[in-house]
Amino acid sequence: MAQENQVSTTAIGNQFNTILEKSESYRDLKIVKGQLIQNLKRDVLSSISKIENDLLSSKAVLNQKSEEISTLKEKLGKTNAVLSSYTNKGPTITFLGIEFNKSFFNSFLSFILLGSIVSVVFFFFQFKKMNLATKHSKSVLNDLEEEYQSYKRSAIEREQKISRQLQDELNKQKKNQTIAVA
């Protein structure tokens, strides 16, 4: 644009020089042909129109750039506000869609882990205690069963012995009765 303005300014300057050279002098006055003045007027108006158009387009570009700058400044302000809110909050962790403070989240997870470990140890010892009780109960049951079986055997043997003695006595009495009857 600047080069076009310089070229048209040079062309207009050359037209003035041409007019002065081609004009006739009359008593310290210059007589200029109307056509040369019309050409000069047309070129000057054309140059002014071009300059005005360039000025308007430059203003439009300037307004567009100003709007862009204000939009970018607004976005920068919002970004800085979001950044400062995150910075002021401290480090955060999002878990299941919920934001937690990092130190709280670490403490919470440590508490859950410690609780889990304590629960596992507690249930392990409970299992071990119940297992010992079960083993003891089984051994007592086995002892009782063995004692019961031996008692049962001795009771059967006693009963058989008493039955034999009874049968022997019955046989003796029959024998004595048969001897006494004979």
C-alpha atoms as a PDB file:
ATOM      1  CA  MET A   1       0.000   0.000   0.000  1.00  0.00           C
ATOM      2  CA  ALA A   2       2.752   2.401   0.950  1.00  0.00           C
ATOM      3  CA  GLN A   3       4.484   1.738  -2.365  1.00  0.00           C
ATOM      4  CA  GLU A   4       1.211   2.350  -4.279  1.00  0.00           C
ATOM      5  CA  ASN A   5       0.745   5.669  -2.423  1.00  0.00           C
ATOM      6  CA  GLN A   6       4.347   6.618  -3.187  1.00  0.00           C
ATOM      7  CA  VAL A   7       3.875   5.741  -6.886  1.00  0.00           C
ATOM      8  CA  SER A   8       0.638   7.745  -7.145  1.00  0.00           C
ATOM      9  CA  THR A   9       2.218  10.682  -5.259  1.00  0.00           C
ATOM     10  CA  THR A  10       5.134  10.614  -7.683  1.00  0.00           C
ATOM     11  CA  ALA A  11       2.716  10.406 -10.620  1.00  0.00           C
ATOM     12  CA  ILE A  12       0.753  13.396  -9.314  1.00  0.00           C
ATOM     13  CA  GLY A  13       3.979  15.354  -8.762  1.00  0.00           C
ATOM     14  CA  ASN A  14       5.017  14.545 -12.316  1.00  0.00           C
ATOM     15  CA  GLN A  15       1.618  15.746 -13.584  1.00  0.00           C
ATOM     16  CA  PHE A  16       2.118  19.089 -11.806  1.00  0.00           C
ATOM     17  CA  ASN A  17       5.543  19.405 -13.407  1.00  0.00           C
ATOM     18  CA  THR A  18       4.076  18.518 -16.797  1.00  0.00           C
ATOM     19  CA  ILE A  19       1.287  21.117 -16.360  1.00  0.00           C
ATOM     20  CA  LEU A  20       3.804  23.793 -15.418  1.00  0.00           C
ATOM     21  CA  GLU A  21       5.971  22.919 -18.422  1.00  0.00           C
ATOM     22  CA  LYS A  22       3.116  22.783 -20.935  1.00  0.00           C
ATOM     23  CA  SER A  23       1.334  25.855 -19.696  1.00  0.00           C
ATOM     24  CA  GLU A  24       1.902  29.167 -21.357  1.00  0.00           C
ATOM     25  CA  SER A  25       2.997  32.255 -19.556  1.00  0.00           C
ATOM     26  CA  TYR A  26       1.230  35.561 -19.821  1.00  0.00           C
ATOM     27  CA  ARG A  27       2.407  38.422 -17.687  1.00  0.00           C
ATOM     28  CA  ASP A  28       3.597  36.460 -14.773  1.00  0.00           C
ATOM     29  CA  LEU A  29       0.531  34.208 -15.037  1.00  0.00           C
ATOM     30  CA  LYS A  30       0.303  30.659 -16.324  1.00  0.00           C
ATOM     31  CA  ILE A  31      -2.408  29.595 -18.674  1.00  0.00           C
ATOM     32  CA  VAL A  32      -3.212  25.957 -18.251  1.00  0.00           C
ATOM     33  CA  LYS A  33      -5.297  23.755 -20.533  1.00  0.00           C
ATOM     34  CA  GLY A  34      -8.530  22.505 -18.981  1.00  0.00           C
ATOM     35  CA  GLN A  35      -7.884  18.918 -19.967  1.00  0.00           C
ATOM     36  CA  LEU A  36      -4.618  18.818 -18.000  1.00  0.00           C
ATOM     37  CA  ILE A  37      -6.385  20.186 -14.898  1.00  0.00           C
ATOM     38  CA  GLN A  38      -9.214  17.641 -15.336  1.00  0.00           C
ATOM     39  CA  ASN A  39      -6.686  14.811 -15.593  1.00  0.00           C
ATOM     40  CA  LEU A  40      -4.884  16.106 -12.514  1.00  0.00           C
ATOM     41  CA  LYS A  41      -8.175  16.405 -10.614  1.00  0.00           C
ATOM     42  CA  ARG A  42      -9.219  12.906 -11.601  1.00  0.00           C
ATOM     43  CA  ASP A  43      -5.846  11.432 -10.544  1.00  0.00           C
ATOM     44  CA  VAL A  44      -5.832  13.342  -7.243  1.00  0.00           C
ATOM     45  CA  LEU A  45      -9.398  12.235  -6.440  1.00  0.00           C
ATOM     46  CA  SER A  46      -8.507   8.667  -7.415  1.00  0.00           C
ATOM     47  CA  SER A  47      -5.446   8.754  -5.131  1.00  0.00           C
ATOM     48  CA  ILE A  48      -7.507  10.236  -2.299  1.00  0.00           C
ATOM     49  CA  SER A  49     -10.164   7.552  -2.821  1.00  0.00           C
ATOM     50  CA  LYS A  50      -7.509   4.818  -2.741  1.00  0.00           C
ATOM     51  CA  ILE A  51      -5.969   6.297   0.397  1.00  0.00           C
ATOM     52  CA  GLU A  52      -9.402   6.547   2.046  1.00  0.00           C
ATOM     53  CA  ASN A  53     -10.176   2.921   1.100  1.00  0.00           C
ATOM     54  CA  ASP A  54      -6.796   1.828   2.454  1.00  0.00           C
ATOM     55  CA  LEU A  55      -7.471   3.811   5.620  1.00  0.00           C
ATOM     56  CA  LEU A  56     -10.930   2.231   6.022  1.00  0.00           C
ATOM     57  CA  SER A  57      -9.579  -1.283   5.459  1.00  0.00           C
ATOM     58  CA  SER A  58      -6.758  -0.576   7.919  1.00  0.00           C
ATOM     59  CA  LYS A  59      -9.336   0.661  10.465  1.00  0.00           C
ATOM     60  CA  ALA A  60     -11.417  -2.493   9.887  1.00  0.00           C
ATOM     61  CA  VAL A  61      -8.354  -4.688  10.371  1.00  0.00           C
ATOM     62  CA  LEU A  62      -7.427  -2.654  13.448  1.00  0.00           C
ATOM     63  CA  ASN A  63     -10.962  -3.059  14.882  1.00  0.00           C
ATOM     64  CA  GLN A  64     -10.883  -6.790  14.134  1.00  0.00           C
ATOM     65  CA  LYS A  65      -7.486  -7.140  15.792  1.00  0.00           C
ATOM     66  CA  SER A  66      -8.719  -5.063  18.772  1.00  0.00           C
ATOM     67  CA  GLU A  67     -11.742  -7.363  19.155  1.00  0.00           C
ATOM     68  CA  GLU A  68      -9.456 -10.390  18.871  1.00  0.00           C
ATOM     69  CA  ILE A  69      -7.161  -8.933  21.523  1.00  0.00           C
ATOM     70  CA  SER A  70     -10.078  -8.187  23.872  1.00  0.00           C
ATOM     71  CA  THR A  71     -11.466 -11.727  23.343  1.00  0.00           C
ATOM     72  CA  LEU A  72      -8.051 -13.213  24.009  1.00  0.00           C
ATOM     73  CA  LYS A  73      -7.639 -11.015  27.097  1.00  0.00           C
ATOM     74  CA  GLU A  74     -11.036 -12.214  28.349  1.00  0.00           C
ATOM     75  CA  LYS A  75     -10.062 -15.858  27.753  1.00  0.00           C
ATOM     76  CA  LEU A  76      -6.728 -15.241  29.460  1.00  0.00           C
ATOM     77  CA  GLY A  77      -8.546 -13.729  32.450  1.00  0.00           C
ATOM     78  CA  LYS A  78     -10.843 -16.765  32.699  1.00  0.00           C
ATOM     79  CA  THR A  79      -7.892 -19.146  32.341  1.00  0.00           C
ATOM     80  CA  ASN A  80      -5.970 -17.258  35.032  1.00  0.00           C
ATOM     81  CA  ALA A  81      -9.022 -17.368  37.321  1.00  0.00           C
ATOM     82  CA  VAL A  82      -9.371 -21.141  36.843  1.00  0.00           C
ATOM     83  CA  LEU A  83      -5.635 -21.585  37.323  1.00  0.00           C
ATOM     84  CA  SER A  84      -5.625 -19.513  40.507  1.00  0.00           C
ATOM     85  CA  SER A  85      -8.630 -21.450  41.853  1.00  0.00           C
ATOM     86  CA  TYR A  86      -6.730 -24.709  41.259  1.00  0.00           C
ATOM     87  CA  THR A  87      -3.580 -23.217  42.735  1.00  0.00           C
ATOM     88  CA  ASN A  88      -5.451 -21.964  45.814  1.00  0.00           C
ATOM     89  CA  LYS A  89      -7.180 -25.306  46.326  1.00  0.00           C
ATOM     90  CA  GLY A  90      -3.901 -27.143  46.368  1.00  0.00           C
ATOM     91  CA  PRO A  91      -3.334 -30.451  44.668  1.00  0.00           C
ATOM     92  CA  THR A  92      -6.527 -32.400  44.082  1.00  0.00           C
ATOM     93  CA  ILE A  93      -7.379 -35.908  42.935  1.00  0.00           C
ATOM     94  CA  THR A  94     -10.594 -36.873  41.182  1.00  0.00           C
ATOM     95  CA  PHE A  95     -11.912 -40.280  42.216  1.00  0.00           C
ATOM     96  CA  LEU A  96     -15.293 -41.591  41.010  1.00  0.00           C
ATOM     97  CA  GLY A  97     -16.134 -38.109  39.764  1.00  0.00           C
ATOM     98  CA  ILE A  98     -15.551 -36.512  43.176  1.00  0.00           C
ATOM     99  CA  GLU A  99     -12.689 -34.093  43.769  1.00  0.00           C
ATOM    100  CA  PHE A 100     -10.624 -34.722  46.876  1.00  0.00           C
ATOM    101  CA  ASN A 101      -7.765 -32.808  48.434  1.00  0.00           C
ATOM    102  CA  LYS A 102      -4.649 -34.884  47.787  1.00  0.00           C
ATOM    103  CA  SER A 103      -3.593 -35.113  51.448  1.00  0.00           C
ATOM    104  CA  PHE A 104      -7.138 -36.049  52.529  1.00  0.00           C
ATOM    105  CA  PHE A 105      -7.341 -38.677  49.793  1.00  0.00           C
ATOM    106  CA  ASN A 106      -3.976 -40.170  50.784  1.00  0.00           C
ATOM    107  CA  SER A 107      -5.034 -40.221  54.444  1.00  0.00           C
ATOM    108  CA  PHE A 108      -8.362 -41.796  53.542  1.00  0.00           C
ATOM    109  CA  LEU A 109      -6.727 -44.527  51.443  1.00  0.00           C
ATOM    110  CA  SER A 110      -4.161 -45.159  54.185  1.00  0.00           C
ATOM    111  CA  PHE A 111      -6.978 -45.486  56.716  1.00  0.00           C
ATOM    112  CA  ILE A 112      -8.840 -47.943  54.469  1.00  0.00           C
ATOM    113  CA  LEU A 113      -5.649 -49.947  53.869  1.00  0.00           C
ATOM    114  CA  LEU A 114      -4.808 -50.022  57.574  1.00  0.00           C
ATOM    115  CA  GLY A 115      -8.405 -51.012  58.408  1.00  0.00           C
ATOM    116  CA  SER A 116      -8.244 -53.800  55.842  1.00  0.00           C
ATOM    117  CA  ILE A 117      -4.971 -55.093  57.247  1.00  0.00           C
ATOM    118  CA  VAL A 118      -6.317 -54.981  60.814  1.00  0.00           C
ATOM    119  CA  SER A 119      -9.485 -56.785  59.678  1.00  0.00           C
ATOM    120  CA  VAL A 120      -7.488 -59.493  57.896  1.00  0.00           C
ATOM    121  CA  VAL A 121      -5.251 -60.013  60.950  1.00  0.00           C
ATOM    122  CA  PHE A 122      -8.283 -60.065  63.282  1.00  0.00           C
ATOM    123  CA  PHE A 123     -10.148 -62.602  61.156  1.00  0.00           C
ATOM    124  CA  PHE A 124      -6.987 -64.701  60.768  1.00  0.00           C
ATOM    125  CA  PHE A 125      -6.596 -64.966  64.536  1.00  0.00           C
ATOM    126  CA  GLN A 126     -10.304 -65.637  64.952  1.00  0.00           C
ATOM    127  CA  PHE A 127     -10.035 -68.438  62.380  1.00  0.00           C
ATOM    128  CA  LYS A 128      -6.969 -69.837  64.103  1.00  0.00           C
ATOM    129  CA  LYS A 129      -8.723 -69.704  67.508  1.00  0.00           C
ATOM    130  CA  MET A 130     -11.869 -71.357  66.139  1.00  0.00           C
ATOM    131  CA  ASN A 131      -9.753 -73.946  64.311  1.00  0.00           C
ATOM    132  CA  LEU A 132      -7.990 -74.834  67.570  1.00  0.00           C
ATOM    133  CA  ALA A 133     -11.345 -75.060  69.345  1.00  0.00           C
ATOM    134  CA  THR A 134     -12.665 -77.291  66.562  1.00  0.00           C
ATOM    135  CA  LYS A 135      -9.590 -79.551  66.735  1.00  0.00           C
ATOM    136  CA  HIS A 136      -9.904 -79.762  70.520  1.00  0.00           C
ATOM    137  CA  SER A 137     -13.621 -80.545  70.238  1.00  0.00           C
ATOM    138  CA  LYS A 138     -12.879 -83.254  67.652  1.00  0.00           C
ATOM    139  CA  SER A 139     -10.200 -84.832  69.868  1.00  0.00           C
ATOM    140  CA  VAL A 140     -12.553 -84.729  72.892  1.00  0.00           C
ATOM    141  CA  LEU A 141     -15.290 -86.239  70.710  1.00  0.00           C
ATOM    142  CA  ASN A 142     -12.913 -88.987  69.517  1.00  0.00           C
ATOM    143  CA  ASP A 143     -11.906 -89.709  73.134  1.00  0.00           C
ATOM    144  CA  LEU A 144     -15.561 -89.829  74.173  1.00  0.00           C
ATOM    145  CA  GLU A 145     -16.399 -92.090  71.248  1.00  0.00           C
ATOM    146  CA  GLU A 146     -13.532 -94.422  72.146  1.00  0.00           C
ATOM    147  CA  GLU A 147     -14.616 -94.375  75.808  1.00  0.00           C
ATOM    148  CA  TYR A 148     -18.198 -94.994  74.762  1.00  0.00           C
ATOM    149  CA  GLN A 149     -17.134 -97.855  72.494  1.00  0.00           C
ATOM    150  CA  SER A 150     -15.062 -99.427  75.280  1.00  0.00           C
ATOM    151  CA  TYR A 151     -17.941 -98.935  77.723  1.00  0.00           C
ATOM    152  CA  LYS A 152     -20.302-100.430  75.177  1.00  0.00           C
ATOM    153  CA  ARG A 153     -17.955-103.429  74.678  1.00  0.00           C
ATOM    154  CA  SER A 154     -17.541-103.955  78.412  1.00  0.00           C
ATOM    155  CA  ALA A 155     -21.308-103.603  78.923  1.00  0.00           C
ATOM    156  CA  ILE A 156     -21.922-106.173  76.167  1.00  0.00           C
ATOM    157  CA  GLU A 157     -19.273-108.459  77.670  1.00  0.00           C
ATOM    158  CA  ARG A 158     -20.802-108.054  81.141  1.00  0.00           C
ATOM    159  CA  GLU A 159     -24.251-108.686  79.756  1.00  0.00           C
ATOM    160  CA  GLN A 160     -22.978-111.787  77.915  1.00  0.00           C
ATOM    161  CA  LYS A 161     -21.179-112.949  81.078  1.00  0.00           C
ATOM    162  CA  ILE A 162     -24.303-112.444  83.160  1.00  0.00           C
ATOM    163  CA  SER A 163     -26.357-114.179  80.452  1.00  0.00           C
ATOM    164  CA  ARG A 164     -23.957-117.133  80.541  1.00  0.00           C
ATOM    165  CA  GLN A 165     -24.037-117.268  84.296  1.00  0.00           C
ATOM    166  CA  LEU A 166     -27.821-117.109  84.194  1.00  0.00           C
ATOM    167  CA  GLN A 167     -27.872-119.851  81.566  1.00  0.00           C
ATOM    168  CA  ASP A 168     -25.411-121.899  83.604  1.00  0.00           C
ATOM    169  CA  GLU A 169     -27.542-121.474  86.678  1.00  0.00           C
ATOM    170  CA  LEU A 170     -30.635-122.393  84.720  1.00  0.00           C
ATOM    171  CA  ASN A 171     -28.840-125.415  83.322  1.00  0.00           C
ATOM    172  CA  LYS A 172     -27.693-126.385  86.853  1.00  0.00           C
ATOM    173  CA  GLN A 173     -31.181-126.081  88.230  1.00  0.00           C
ATOM    174  CA  LYS A 174     -32.574-128.149  85.388  1.00  0.00           C
ATOM    175  CA  LYS A 175     -29.913-130.689  85.991  1.00  0.00           C
ATOM    176  CA  ASN A 176     -30.617-130.695  89.685  1.00  0.00           C
ATOM    177  CA  GLN A 177     -34.316-131.011  88.999  1.00  0.00           C
ATOM    178  CA  THR A 178     -33.769-133.823  86.592  1.00  0.00           C
ATOM    179  CA  ILE A 179     -31.489-135.539  89.099  1.00  0.00           C
ATOM    180  CA  ALA A 180     -33.936-134.978  91.897  1.00  0.00           C
ATOM    181  CA  VAL A 181     -36.779-136.288  89.836  1.00  0.00           C
ATOM    182  CA  ALA A 182     -34.914-139.324  88.825  1.00  0.00           C
END
